Amino acid sequence: MKSNQEKAPIMEALEELKSMRIVPFDVPGHKRGKGNPDLTNFLGEKCLSVDANSMKMLDNLCHPVSVIKEAEELAAEAFGAAHAFFMVGGTTSAVQSMVLSVCKRGEKIILPRNVHRSVINIMVLSGAVPVYVNPDTNHELGIALGMRVSEVEKAIRENPDAKAVFVNNPTYYGICSNLKAITELAHANGMKVLVDEAHGTHFYFGKGLPMTAMEAGADMASVSMHKSGGSLTQSSFLLAGPSMSEGHIRQVINLTQTTSGSYLLMSSLDISRRNLALRGEEIFEKVKEMVEYARAEINKIGDYYAYSKELVNGDSIYDFDMTKLSVNTLNVGLAGIEVYDLLRDEYDIQTEFGDIGNILAYVSVGDRPRDIERLVGALSEIRRLHKRDRAGQMTAEYINPKVIYSPQEAFYSEKESLPLAQCKDMICAEFVMCYPPGIPILAPGELITQEILDYIVYAKEKGCSMTGPEDMEINHLNVMKGIRSAKGVEE
């Protein structure tokens, strides 16, 4: 690693600002915390003193020419990218900037249906048209897998005018597709490759982990630094390869990103990049060791299944992220969300999420072996106290949708609100999802089937956090007015 990775230009500029006696006749209005003592007492004077506005010595996120530009160049080097962009709107903003950079209204993008809601959201806004590759499903675990290369090839063959292929690397559960083969296939057909690496920051710095998007030759990747990289929530990187125009991407980012970029978020990206560039290999080796230990101990309990690389099949599970502590709970007779709730309510343990069949315990740089022991002990006790017969458990985390209209067309259509029970065979005009992981159960333009309605009711009963619809209780859904059945025939 080059010695300049020891630098943190944004942090250094903020340290210099603190040493100066500048009188702030600019925003923010709390004036380095003096104007809001309650906030200063809560967050601390050190934090408020660097919550500053763009100025000459601090550069400007919309048009970086000095310290932010230098920090982005260091990030690009650290991640092996041609360009890197600081994102303060989360990886949602990075994902959406990727799509906007390569697809215009009416242009197609090939993608797995188990994408994060941010991808479908931007298609509602931009008018890009999705060509879904339905992922394989492991029905025993109830999780969606990666895209088969043959399915991507089929989608490309049937849609030679598509502009890009979008890939998850990895999924929330740790599943990776054959990113290198998909990238080569897309490029051979004149298509760009966009990669959602929200859960793969550590791939760039750890050893023995799945291939990164930049290593595979992808054109763009969104990296959620605040997840496994240690930066502040809502901070992210957008990476680009040499095939992409840096100026064009910056223009696209500036369409939606704030003009008041938070220096708290940007400095956290800068500091965290430095930390991973210098110590990432050591950090993620410890994380792998902790997760491997936890996985072995959980599997000794019985009934739980903490899965890993044994799932790899060379295609729809091309690789597995060993740092993901994904645990299937169905043989305990409990839905993942029920175990999630018990861990939080009875044991003061907050896992990342629970769905119908699984929980995910996110292990990273900040965890300690004793935290792992506490989790294992709690899971063991939950099994002893709450185990029941598995009969009646639903397993599907993902149901293949039938797409009738584009997301934009459906979302902005004339719509009506109907009780759930009356929505069968109607066309959905909004989103329904469990969050996290934020993969839509229904997206605008998709056929509402009885299987999907049963799943929504079941997920609600189990206590899943259901989001998306206008009706917060999800007793009603917005549907395209007067349109029923897969044929899209008005009645």
Protein backbone atom coordinates (compact mmCIF):
# COMPACT_ATOMS: atom_id res chain seq x y z
CA MET A 1 0.00 0.00 0.00
CA LYS A 2 1.36 3.39 -0.91
CA SER A 3 2.45 5.58 1.95
CA ASN A 4 0.00 8.35 1.06
CA GLN A 5 -2.85 6.09 2.27
CA GLU A 6 -1.82 7.31 5.72
CA LYS A 7 -3.25 10.70 4.81
CA ALA A 8 -6.82 11.79 5.60
CA PRO A 9 -7.11 15.15 3.78
CA ILE A 10 -10.64 16.07 4.89
CA MET A 11 -9.95 15.25 8.53
CA GLU A 12 -6.69 17.21 8.36
CA ALA A 13 -8.46 20.26 6.92
CA LEU A 14 -11.08 20.11 9.67
CA GLU A 15 -8.35 19.86 12.31
CA GLU A 16 -6.78 22.99 10.84
CA LEU A 17 -10.17 24.75 10.89
CA LYS A 18 -10.55 23.98 14.60
CA SER A 19 -7.18 25.60 15.33
CA MET A 20 -8.18 28.85 13.60
CA ARG A 21 -10.17 31.69 15.16
CA ILE A 22 -12.66 32.07 12.34
CA VAL A 23 -15.85 34.01 13.15
CA PRO A 24 -18.63 32.00 11.41
CA PHE A 25 -21.09 34.30 9.64
CA ASP A 26 -22.23 31.30 7.57
CA VAL A 27 -24.32 28.20 8.10
CA PRO A 28 -24.94 25.95 9.99
CA GLY A 29 -26.77 28.21 12.37
CA HIS A 30 -25.68 26.48 15.56
CA LYS A 31 -22.28 28.23 15.01
CA ARG A 32 -19.98 25.37 16.04
CA GLY A 33 -22.46 24.36 18.75
CA LYS A 34 -22.64 27.65 20.63
CA GLY A 35 -26.19 28.33 19.48
CA ASN A 36 -27.66 24.99 20.49
CA PRO A 37 -26.28 23.88 23.89
CA ASP A 38 -28.64 20.90 24.19
CA LEU A 39 -27.36 19.51 20.91
CA THR A 40 -23.76 20.24 21.89
CA ASN A 41 -24.21 18.49 25.24
CA PHE A 42 -25.72 15.47 23.50
CA LEU A 43 -23.29 15.10 20.58
CA GLY A 44 -20.24 16.75 22.10
CA GLU A 45 -18.31 19.92 21.34
CA LYS A 46 -15.77 18.06 19.17
CA CYS A 47 -18.54 16.88 16.88
CA LEU A 48 -20.28 20.25 16.53
CA SER A 49 -17.01 22.12 16.01
CA VAL A 50 -16.45 20.31 12.69
CA ASP A 51 -20.06 20.40 11.49
CA ALA A 52 -19.09 23.07 9.01
CA ASN A 53 -20.19 24.43 5.65
CA SER A 54 -18.22 24.31 2.40
CA MET A 55 -15.54 27.01 2.34
CA LYS A 56 -12.26 27.54 0.50
CA MET A 57 -10.12 25.46 2.87
CA LEU A 58 -12.70 22.65 3.07
CA ASP A 59 -13.49 22.35 -0.66
CA ASN A 60 -16.98 21.65 -2.06
CA LEU A 61 -18.54 18.23 -2.58
CA CYS A 62 -20.39 19.29 -5.75
CA HIS A 63 -17.21 20.50 -7.44
CA PRO A 64 -14.16 19.24 -5.52
CA VAL A 65 -10.80 20.80 -6.41
CA SER A 66 -8.67 20.39 -3.26
CA VAL A 67 -9.04 18.28 -0.10
CA ILE A 68 -12.19 16.40 -1.18
CA LYS A 69 -10.64 15.74 -4.58
CA GLU A 70 -7.49 14.41 -2.91
CA ALA A 71 -9.53 12.25 -0.54
CA GLU A 72 -11.51 10.81 -3.47
CA GLU A 73 -8.27 10.01 -5.31
CA LEU A 74 -6.97 8.17 -2.24
CA ALA A 75 -10.22 6.24 -2.02
CA ALA A 76 -10.04 5.29 -5.70
CA GLU A 77 -6.52 3.99 -5.18
CA ALA A 78 -7.50 2.05 -2.06
CA PHE A 79 -10.42 0.35 -3.82
CA GLY A 80 -8.61 -0.23 -7.11
CA ALA A 81 -10.99 2.04 -9.02
CA ALA A 82 -10.36 4.70 -11.65
CA HIS A 83 -12.62 7.16 -9.81
CA ALA A 84 -14.30 7.34 -6.41
CA PHE A 85 -17.05 9.69 -5.29
CA PHE A 86 -18.01 10.60 -1.72
CA MET A 87 -21.73 9.96 -1.22
CA VAL A 88 -23.60 11.47 1.73
CA GLY A 89 -27.05 10.14 0.78
CA GLY A 90 -26.22 6.54 1.63
CA THR A 91 -25.70 3.71 -0.81
CA THR A 92 -29.25 4.35 -2.02
CA SER A 93 -27.91 7.55 -3.61
CA ALA A 94 -24.90 5.70 -5.06
CA VAL A 95 -27.06 2.93 -6.55
CA GLN A 96 -29.44 5.42 -8.09
CA SER A 97 -26.59 7.48 -9.55
CA MET A 98 -25.25 4.33 -11.22
CA VAL A 99 -28.55 3.65 -12.97
CA LEU A 100 -29.02 7.30 -13.96
CA SER A 101 -25.49 7.35 -15.41
CA VAL A 102 -26.17 4.62 -17.97
CA CYS A 103 -29.95 4.40 -18.59
CA LYS A 104 -32.36 6.98 -19.99
CA ARG A 105 -36.16 6.86 -20.10
CA GLY A 106 -37.38 3.77 -21.93
CA GLU A 107 -33.98 2.07 -21.94
CA LYS A 108 -33.68 -1.44 -20.50
CA ILE A 109 -31.56 -2.68 -17.62
CA ILE A 110 -31.12 -6.39 -16.85
CA LEU A 111 -31.19 -7.13 -13.13
CA PRO A 112 -32.14 -9.70 -10.52
CA ARG A 113 -35.59 -9.11 -9.00
CA ASN A 114 -34.15 -9.44 -5.47
CA VAL A 115 -32.58 -6.00 -5.68
CA HIS A 116 -32.80 -3.36 -2.98
CA ARG A 117 -35.78 -1.03 -3.25
CA SER A 118 -33.49 1.84 -4.27
CA VAL A 119 -33.01 0.26 -7.71
CA ILE A 120 -36.73 -0.01 -8.44
CA ASN A 121 -37.30 3.45 -6.93
CA ILE A 122 -34.96 5.04 -9.45
CA MET A 123 -36.75 3.27 -12.29
CA VAL A 124 -39.98 4.87 -11.09
CA LEU A 125 -38.28 8.26 -11.33
CA SER A 126 -36.15 7.78 -14.45
CA GLY A 127 -38.42 5.64 -16.61
CA ALA A 128 -35.76 2.98 -17.17
CA VAL A 129 -37.36 -0.39 -17.91
CA PRO A 130 -36.37 -3.47 -15.88
CA VAL A 131 -35.71 -6.85 -17.45
CA TYR A 132 -35.81 -9.16 -14.46
CA VAL A 133 -33.74 -12.30 -14.11
CA ASN A 134 -35.55 -14.26 -11.42
CA PRO A 135 -32.91 -15.67 -9.07
CA ASP A 136 -32.87 -19.28 -7.95
CA THR A 137 -34.38 -19.88 -4.52
CA ASN A 138 -33.17 -22.20 -1.79
CA HIS A 139 -36.57 -23.36 -0.56
CA GLU A 140 -35.17 -25.06 2.54
CA LEU A 141 -33.63 -21.80 3.74
CA GLY A 142 -36.26 -19.56 2.12
CA ILE A 143 -33.72 -17.22 0.53
CA ALA A 144 -33.13 -15.90 -2.97
CA LEU A 145 -29.76 -16.79 -4.49
CA GLY A 146 -27.66 -15.19 -7.22
CA MET A 147 -28.23 -15.00 -10.97
CA ARG A 148 -27.24 -17.97 -13.10
CA VAL A 149 -24.89 -16.99 -15.93
CA SER A 150 -27.12 -18.90 -18.36
CA GLU A 151 -30.14 -16.82 -17.26
CA VAL A 152 -28.20 -13.59 -17.76
CA GLU A 153 -27.11 -14.83 -21.20
CA LYS A 154 -30.75 -15.59 -22.07
CA ALA A 155 -31.85 -12.11 -20.94
CA ILE A 156 -29.10 -10.49 -23.01
CA ARG A 157 -30.01 -12.58 -26.06
CA GLU A 158 -33.68 -11.63 -25.76
CA ASN A 159 -32.91 -7.96 -25.01
CA PRO A 160 -29.86 -7.02 -27.08
CA ASP A 161 -30.81 -3.35 -26.75
CA ALA A 162 -30.40 -3.36 -22.95
CA LYS A 163 -27.88 -0.79 -21.71
CA ALA A 164 -26.62 -2.48 -18.56
CA VAL A 165 -26.60 -5.53 -16.31
CA PHE A 166 -27.03 -4.94 -12.57
CA VAL A 167 -25.61 -7.44 -10.04
CA ASN A 168 -25.79 -7.83 -6.25
CA ASN A 169 -22.35 -8.63 -4.76
CA PRO A 170 -23.17 -10.08 -2.26
CA THR A 171 -26.84 -10.40 -1.29
CA TYR A 172 -27.79 -9.50 2.28
CA TYR A 173 -27.32 -13.17 3.18
CA GLY A 174 -23.81 -13.41 1.69
CA ILE A 175 -24.60 -15.05 -1.68
CA CYS A 176 -22.44 -14.05 -4.67
CA SER A 177 -23.06 -14.60 -8.39
CA ASN A 178 -20.29 -15.32 -10.90
CA LEU A 179 -19.45 -11.65 -11.24
CA LYS A 180 -16.46 -12.08 -13.54
CA ALA A 181 -18.36 -14.23 -16.06
CA ILE A 182 -21.40 -11.92 -16.01
CA THR A 183 -19.17 -8.87 -16.53
CA GLU A 184 -17.36 -10.44 -19.49
CA LEU A 185 -20.68 -11.53 -21.00
CA ALA A 186 -22.20 -8.06 -20.65
CA HIS A 187 -19.15 -6.30 -22.07
CA ALA A 188 -19.05 -8.68 -25.02
CA ASN A 189 -22.56 -7.49 -25.82
CA GLY A 190 -21.84 -3.78 -25.40
CA MET A 191 -23.52 -3.44 -21.99
CA LYS A 192 -22.25 -1.75 -18.84
CA VAL A 193 -22.06 -3.63 -15.53
CA LEU A 194 -23.35 -1.99 -12.34
CA VAL A 195 -22.72 -3.69 -9.00
CA ASP A 196 -24.48 -3.14 -5.68
CA GLU A 197 -21.74 -3.85 -3.12
CA ALA A 198 -23.61 -2.38 -0.17
CA HIS A 199 -22.66 -5.46 1.83
CA GLY A 200 -19.23 -6.05 0.30
CA THR A 201 -16.94 -3.21 1.46
CA HIS A 202 -14.66 -5.71 3.19
CA PHE A 203 -14.09 -7.66 -0.05
CA TYR A 204 -11.65 -4.91 -1.07
CA PHE A 205 -9.45 -5.27 1.99
CA GLY A 206 -9.78 -8.79 3.40
CA LYS A 207 -8.06 -11.91 2.11
CA GLY A 208 -9.87 -15.04 0.91
CA LEU A 209 -13.13 -13.16 0.30
CA PRO A 210 -15.23 -13.07 -2.89
CA MET A 211 -14.10 -11.08 -5.92
CA THR A 212 -14.77 -7.34 -5.93
CA ALA A 213 -16.59 -5.45 -8.66
CA MET A 214 -13.50 -3.47 -9.61
CA GLU A 215 -11.39 -6.64 -9.78
CA ALA A 216 -14.03 -8.25 -12.02
CA GLY A 217 -13.87 -5.29 -14.40
CA ALA A 218 -17.32 -3.85 -13.62
CA ASP A 219 -18.01 -0.30 -14.78
CA MET A 220 -19.49 1.03 -11.53
CA ALA A 221 -20.02 -0.16 -7.96
CA SER A 222 -21.76 1.28 -4.91
CA VAL A 223 -19.97 0.51 -1.65
CA SER A 224 -21.73 0.97 1.68
CA MET A 225 -18.77 2.06 3.77
CA HIS A 226 -20.93 2.55 6.84
CA LYS A 227 -21.84 -1.15 6.98
CA SER A 228 -18.68 -3.22 7.24
CA GLY A 229 -16.26 -0.33 6.67
CA GLY A 230 -16.84 1.51 9.95
CA SER A 231 -17.85 5.00 8.74
CA LEU A 232 -20.89 6.96 9.93
CA THR A 233 -24.39 5.87 8.91
CA GLN A 234 -25.45 7.30 5.53
CA SER A 235 -21.89 7.58 4.16
CA SER A 236 -20.94 5.63 1.06
CA PHE A 237 -18.63 5.44 -1.94
CA LEU A 238 -19.50 5.27 -5.61
CA LEU A 239 -16.67 3.62 -7.56
CA ALA A 240 -16.14 3.75 -11.31
CA GLY A 241 -13.85 1.96 -13.73
CA PRO A 242 -11.84 3.54 -16.56
CA SER A 243 -14.68 3.13 -19.08
CA MET A 244 -16.80 5.74 -17.30
CA SER A 245 -16.60 9.53 -17.61
CA GLU A 246 -15.81 11.08 -14.23
CA GLY A 247 -17.40 14.40 -15.24
CA HIS A 248 -20.63 12.78 -16.42
CA ILE A 249 -20.99 10.76 -13.20
CA ARG A 250 -20.41 13.92 -11.14
CA GLN A 251 -23.15 15.69 -13.07
CA VAL A 252 -25.55 12.81 -12.44
CA ILE A 253 -24.70 12.69 -8.72
CA ASN A 254 -25.34 16.44 -8.48
CA LEU A 255 -28.86 16.00 -9.86
CA THR A 256 -30.00 14.54 -6.56
CA GLN A 257 -27.26 14.81 -3.91
CA THR A 258 -27.37 17.64 -1.40
CA THR A 259 -25.35 20.80 -2.01
CA SER A 260 -24.68 20.89 1.75
CA GLY A 261 -22.56 17.79 2.14
CA SER A 262 -21.99 16.83 5.79
CA TYR A 263 -18.34 17.08 6.82
CA LEU A 264 -19.08 14.64 9.62
CA LEU A 265 -20.01 12.04 7.01
CA MET A 266 -17.20 12.94 4.62
CA SER A 267 -14.51 12.92 7.30
CA SER A 268 -15.79 9.54 8.52
CA LEU A 269 -15.37 8.17 4.98
CA ASP A 270 -11.88 9.64 4.80
CA ILE A 271 -10.79 8.26 8.18
CA SER A 272 -12.39 4.85 7.59
CA ARG A 273 -10.76 4.50 4.17
CA ARG A 274 -7.40 5.20 5.79
CA ASN A 275 -8.09 2.66 8.52
CA LEU A 276 -9.03 -0.09 6.06
CA ALA A 277 -6.19 0.71 3.64
CA LEU A 278 -3.67 0.39 6.45
CA ARG A 279 -5.23 -2.30 8.66
CA GLY A 280 -8.09 -3.87 6.69
CA GLU A 281 -6.48 -7.25 6.10
CA GLU A 282 -5.83 -7.71 9.81
CA ILE A 283 -9.28 -6.39 10.78
CA PHE A 284 -11.25 -8.70 8.49
CA GLU A 285 -9.14 -11.71 9.36
CA LYS A 286 -10.34 -11.23 12.95
CA VAL A 287 -13.92 -10.77 11.75
CA LYS A 288 -13.72 -14.04 9.75
CA GLU A 289 -12.36 -15.87 12.77
CA MET A 290 -15.15 -14.57 15.01
CA VAL A 291 -17.85 -15.50 12.50
CA GLU A 292 -16.40 -18.97 11.86
CA TYR A 293 -16.33 -19.59 15.60
CA ALA A 294 -19.89 -18.30 16.01
CA ARG A 295 -21.10 -20.40 13.08
CA ALA A 296 -19.60 -23.58 14.54
CA GLU A 297 -21.02 -22.90 18.02
CA ILE A 298 -24.52 -22.08 16.71
CA ASN A 299 -24.59 -25.24 14.60
CA LYS A 300 -23.68 -27.26 17.72
CA ILE A 301 -26.84 -26.00 19.46
CA GLY A 302 -29.07 -28.01 17.14
CA ASP A 303 -31.92 -27.04 14.79
CA TYR A 304 -30.37 -23.69 13.89
CA TYR A 305 -28.40 -23.67 10.65
CA ALA A 306 -25.65 -21.07 10.24
CA TYR A 307 -24.73 -21.59 6.62
CA SER A 308 -21.54 -20.86 4.72
CA LYS A 309 -19.41 -21.97 1.78
CA GLU A 310 -20.90 -25.49 1.77
CA LEU A 311 -23.79 -23.94 -0.19
CA VAL A 312 -21.51 -22.99 -3.11
CA ASN A 313 -22.65 -24.64 -6.36
CA GLY A 314 -20.48 -22.80 -8.89
CA ASP A 315 -23.36 -20.83 -10.43
CA SER A 316 -26.34 -19.33 -8.55
CA ILE A 317 -24.15 -19.54 -5.43
CA TYR A 318 -20.79 -18.93 -7.04
CA ASP A 319 -19.20 -17.80 -3.78
CA PHE A 320 -20.19 -17.01 -0.21
CA ASP A 321 -19.16 -14.16 2.07
CA MET A 322 -17.77 -15.93 5.14
CA THR A 323 -18.17 -12.81 7.28
CA LYS A 324 -21.98 -13.04 7.03
CA LEU A 325 -23.50 -14.76 10.06
CA SER A 326 -26.78 -15.78 8.43
CA VAL A 327 -28.77 -18.23 10.55
CA ASN A 328 -31.83 -20.22 9.48
CA THR A 329 -34.31 -20.68 12.33
CA LEU A 330 -37.13 -22.73 10.80
CA ASN A 331 -36.22 -26.08 12.41
CA VAL A 332 -36.51 -24.40 15.82
CA GLY A 333 -40.15 -23.85 14.84
CA LEU A 334 -39.69 -20.08 14.91
CA ALA A 335 -39.67 -17.55 12.12
CA GLY A 336 -36.49 -15.51 11.89
CA ILE A 337 -38.40 -12.40 12.92
CA GLU A 338 -39.59 -14.18 16.08
CA VAL A 339 -36.01 -15.03 17.06
CA TYR A 340 -35.01 -11.46 16.18
CA ASP A 341 -37.71 -10.11 18.52
CA LEU A 342 -36.76 -12.49 21.35
CA LEU A 343 -33.08 -11.56 21.09
CA ARG A 344 -33.91 -7.86 21.26
CA ASP A 345 -36.71 -7.95 23.86
CA GLU A 346 -35.43 -10.66 26.21
CA TYR A 347 -31.65 -10.55 25.78
CA ASP A 348 -30.85 -6.96 24.71
CA ILE A 349 -29.20 -8.23 21.53
CA GLN A 350 -29.93 -6.28 18.35
CA THR A 351 -29.36 -8.29 15.19
CA GLU A 352 -29.44 -6.75 11.72
CA PHE A 353 -32.75 -8.27 10.69
CA GLY A 354 -35.10 -11.19 10.92
CA ASP A 355 -37.29 -12.36 8.07
CA ILE A 356 -39.59 -15.35 7.66
CA GLY A 357 -36.86 -17.97 7.97
CA ASN A 358 -33.57 -16.31 8.95
CA ILE A 359 -31.74 -13.83 11.11
CA LEU A 360 -28.57 -11.97 10.17
CA ALA A 361 -26.08 -11.02 12.86
CA TYR A 362 -23.79 -8.40 11.33
CA VAL A 363 -20.27 -8.94 12.67
CA SER A 364 -17.62 -6.31 11.98
CA VAL A 365 -14.58 -4.46 13.22
CA GLY A 366 -16.37 -3.27 16.36
CA ASP A 367 -17.39 -6.67 17.75
CA ARG A 368 -15.65 -8.65 20.50
CA PRO A 369 -15.46 -12.40 21.24
CA ARG A 370 -17.56 -11.95 24.39
CA ASP A 371 -20.35 -10.42 22.27
CA ILE A 372 -20.32 -13.59 20.16
CA GLU A 373 -20.54 -15.76 23.29
CA ARG A 374 -23.54 -13.77 24.47
CA LEU A 375 -25.32 -14.25 21.12
CA VAL A 376 -24.61 -18.01 21.07
CA GLY A 377 -25.83 -18.37 24.66
CA ALA A 378 -29.03 -16.47 23.93
CA LEU A 379 -29.80 -18.57 20.84
CA SER A 380 -29.28 -21.73 22.83
CA GLU A 381 -31.66 -20.56 25.54
CA ILE A 382 -34.28 -19.45 23.01
CA ARG A 383 -34.24 -22.95 21.50
CA ARG A 384 -34.57 -24.54 24.95
CA LEU A 385 -37.44 -22.30 26.04
CA HIS A 386 -39.34 -21.69 22.79
CA LYS A 387 -38.75 -24.60 20.40
CA ARG A 388 -41.92 -25.87 18.77
CA ASP A 389 -43.06 -27.98 15.84
CA ARG A 390 -42.13 -26.61 12.45
CA ALA A 391 -45.54 -27.40 10.94
CA GLY A 392 -47.25 -24.39 9.37
CA GLN A 393 -44.06 -22.38 8.87
CA MET A 394 -43.90 -20.47 5.61
CA THR A 395 -40.46 -20.38 4.01
CA ALA A 396 -40.43 -18.15 0.94
CA GLU A 397 -38.41 -14.95 1.40
CA TYR A 398 -38.79 -14.32 -2.30
CA ILE A 399 -41.70 -15.03 -4.67
CA ASN A 400 -41.13 -14.73 -8.42
CA PRO A 401 -43.21 -11.76 -9.58
CA LYS A 402 -45.14 -11.37 -12.80
CA VAL A 403 -44.33 -7.95 -14.26
CA ILE A 404 -47.13 -6.41 -16.35
CA TYR A 405 -46.22 -2.70 -16.51
CA SER A 406 -43.02 -0.71 -15.94
CA PRO A 407 -42.53 0.66 -12.41
CA GLN A 408 -42.93 4.26 -13.62
CA GLU A 409 -46.07 3.57 -15.62
CA ALA A 410 -47.75 1.78 -12.72
CA PHE A 411 -46.66 4.17 -9.95
CA TYR A 412 -47.93 7.26 -11.80
CA SER A 413 -51.09 5.61 -13.15
CA GLU A 414 -54.63 6.38 -12.03
CA LYS A 415 -55.04 4.19 -8.98
CA GLU A 416 -57.50 3.08 -6.34
CA SER A 417 -57.08 1.75 -2.82
CA LEU A 418 -58.58 -1.68 -2.16
CA PRO A 419 -58.70 -3.94 0.91
CA LEU A 420 -56.02 -6.65 0.71
CA ALA A 421 -58.59 -9.40 0.21
CA GLN A 422 -59.90 -7.68 -2.93
CA CYS A 423 -56.49 -7.17 -4.56
CA LYS A 424 -56.04 -10.63 -6.08
CA ASP A 425 -55.34 -10.39 -9.85
CA MET A 426 -54.99 -6.60 -9.68
CA ILE A 427 -51.81 -4.71 -10.69
CA CYS A 428 -49.88 -3.20 -7.80
CA ALA A 429 -49.20 0.56 -8.01
CA GLU A 430 -46.89 0.89 -4.99
CA PHE A 431 -44.26 -1.04 -2.99
CA VAL A 432 -44.62 -3.64 -0.25
CA MET A 433 -41.49 -4.95 1.48
CA CYS A 434 -40.02 -6.22 4.71
CA TYR A 435 -37.32 -3.79 5.78
CA PRO A 436 -34.60 -4.82 6.21
CA PRO A 437 -33.60 -6.42 3.86
CA GLY A 438 -35.64 -4.02 1.67
CA ILE A 439 -36.29 -6.38 -1.25
CA PRO A 440 -39.82 -5.63 -2.47
CA ILE A 441 -42.42 -8.39 -2.12
CA LEU A 442 -44.42 -6.30 -4.58
CA ALA A 443 -43.27 -3.45 -6.79
CA PRO A 444 -45.34 -1.13 -9.01
CA GLY A 445 -46.50 -2.87 -12.16
CA GLU A 446 -46.57 -6.42 -10.76
CA LEU A 447 -49.48 -8.84 -10.59
CA ILE A 448 -50.90 -9.39 -7.10
CA THR A 449 -51.35 -13.14 -6.63
CA GLN A 450 -52.98 -15.07 -3.80
CA GLU A 451 -49.55 -16.44 -2.84
CA ILE A 452 -48.22 -12.92 -2.40
CA LEU A 453 -51.27 -11.83 -0.40
CA ASP A 454 -50.90 -14.88 1.88
CA TYR A 455 -47.23 -14.02 2.37
CA ILE A 456 -48.02 -10.40 3.30
CA VAL A 457 -50.64 -11.48 5.86
CA TYR A 458 -48.27 -14.11 7.31
CA ALA A 459 -45.34 -11.68 7.53
CA LYS A 460 -47.54 -9.13 9.30
CA GLU A 461 -48.76 -11.75 11.79
CA LYS A 462 -45.16 -12.78 12.55
CA GLY A 463 -44.23 -9.16 13.25
CA CYS A 464 -42.08 -8.34 10.20
CA SER A 465 -41.47 -4.62 9.69
CA MET A 466 -43.57 -4.03 6.58
CA THR A 467 -43.01 -0.78 4.72
CA GLY A 468 -43.81 0.88 1.41
CA PRO A 469 -47.57 1.27 0.99
CA GLU A 470 -49.49 4.50 1.46
CA ASP A 471 -51.58 2.65 4.07
CA MET A 472 -49.08 2.26 6.91
CA GLU A 473 -51.12 -0.59 8.43
CA ILE A 474 -51.04 -2.43 5.08
CA ASN A 475 -54.71 -3.30 5.24
CA HIS A 476 -55.19 -1.72 1.80
CA LEU A 477 -53.07 -1.57 -1.35
CA ASN A 478 -52.99 0.95 -4.17
CA VAL A 479 -53.70 -0.81 -7.47
CA MET A 480 -53.97 0.39 -11.06
CA LYS A 481 -57.59 1.48 -11.41
CA GLY A 482 -59.83 -0.78 -13.47
CA ILE A 483 -57.08 -3.17 -14.56
CA ARG A 484 -57.31 -6.80 -13.57
CA SER A 485 -55.44 -10.03 -14.43
CA ALA A 486 -52.10 -10.74 -16.04
CA LYS A 487 -53.48 -9.76 -19.45
CA GLY A 488 -53.85 -6.14 -18.32
CA VAL A 489 -57.40 -6.05 -19.66
CA GLU A 490 -59.62 -3.26 -18.38
CA GLU A 491 -62.89 -4.49 -16.95
